[in-house]
Amino acid sequence: MTKSKKDTTTIKPPSALIRMVRYNPLHPDEPITANVHANEVTRWQEEGWQHSEQGK
């Protein structure tokens, strides 16, 4: 029998969500606000999203 590795995944609470905005959506009716997990902020910024001033 093999031993399973201990799961070291850290789950952050909802307070770890960052408010992001996009002022110029790529398509009409696309969302312009999003609550993004802190681990995903860099990827969203690469897609043109910015930190919301209201969410700070």
Protein backbone atom coordinates (compact mmCIF):
# COMPACT_ATOMS: atom_id res chain seq x y z
CA MET A 1 0.00 0.00 0.00
CA THR A 2 1.27 3.51 -0.80
CA LYS A 3 1.00 6.47 1.50
CA SER A 4 -0.83 9.48 0.15
CA LYS A 5 0.84 12.87 0.34
CA LYS A 6 -0.58 15.39 2.76
CA ASP A 7 -2.71 18.01 1.02
CA THR A 8 -1.04 21.38 1.56
CA THR A 9 -3.58 23.40 -0.44
CA THR A 10 -4.47 26.62 1.31
CA ILE A 11 -8.03 27.76 0.87
CA LYS A 12 -8.41 31.48 1.45
CA PRO A 13 -11.56 32.97 2.93
CA PRO A 14 -13.88 35.14 0.79
CA SER A 15 -12.13 38.21 2.20
CA ALA A 16 -9.24 37.21 -0.08
CA LEU A 17 -11.31 38.31 -3.09
CA ILE A 18 -10.09 41.41 -4.91
CA ARG A 19 -12.51 43.72 -6.71
CA MET A 20 -11.40 44.17 -10.33
CA VAL A 21 -12.79 46.41 -13.09
CA ARG A 22 -12.49 46.63 -16.85
CA TYR A 23 -13.43 49.93 -18.44
CA ASN A 24 -13.33 48.73 -22.05
CA PRO A 25 -14.99 45.32 -22.46
CA LEU A 26 -13.98 43.29 -25.50
CA HIS A 27 -17.61 42.60 -26.46
CA PRO A 28 -20.89 44.42 -25.78
CA ASP A 29 -22.66 43.42 -22.56
CA GLU A 30 -19.56 41.77 -21.07
CA PRO A 31 -19.03 42.17 -17.33
CA ILE A 32 -16.96 45.16 -16.28
CA THR A 33 -16.56 44.17 -12.62
CA ALA A 34 -15.37 40.93 -11.01
CA ASN A 35 -14.42 39.57 -7.60
CA VAL A 36 -11.14 37.78 -8.21
CA HIS A 37 -9.29 35.41 -5.91
CA ALA A 38 -6.01 36.93 -4.74
CA ASN A 39 -4.03 34.15 -6.46
CA GLU A 40 -5.54 35.08 -9.85
CA VAL A 41 -5.07 38.88 -9.84
CA THR A 42 -1.91 38.85 -11.99
CA ARG A 43 -3.58 36.76 -14.69
CA TRP A 44 -6.60 39.07 -14.74
CA GLN A 45 -4.36 42.14 -14.97
CA GLU A 46 -2.68 40.57 -18.02
CA GLU A 47 -6.16 40.42 -19.58
CA GLY A 48 -6.69 44.17 -19.08
CA TRP A 49 -8.42 44.22 -15.69
CA GLN A 50 -7.45 46.74 -12.97
CA HIS A 51 -7.92 46.99 -9.21
CA SER A 52 -11.15 48.78 -8.36
CA GLU A 53 -10.69 51.98 -6.36
CA GLN A 54 -13.90 51.16 -4.50
CA GLY A 55 -12.63 47.69 -3.48
CA LYS A 56 -9.52 49.03 -1.71
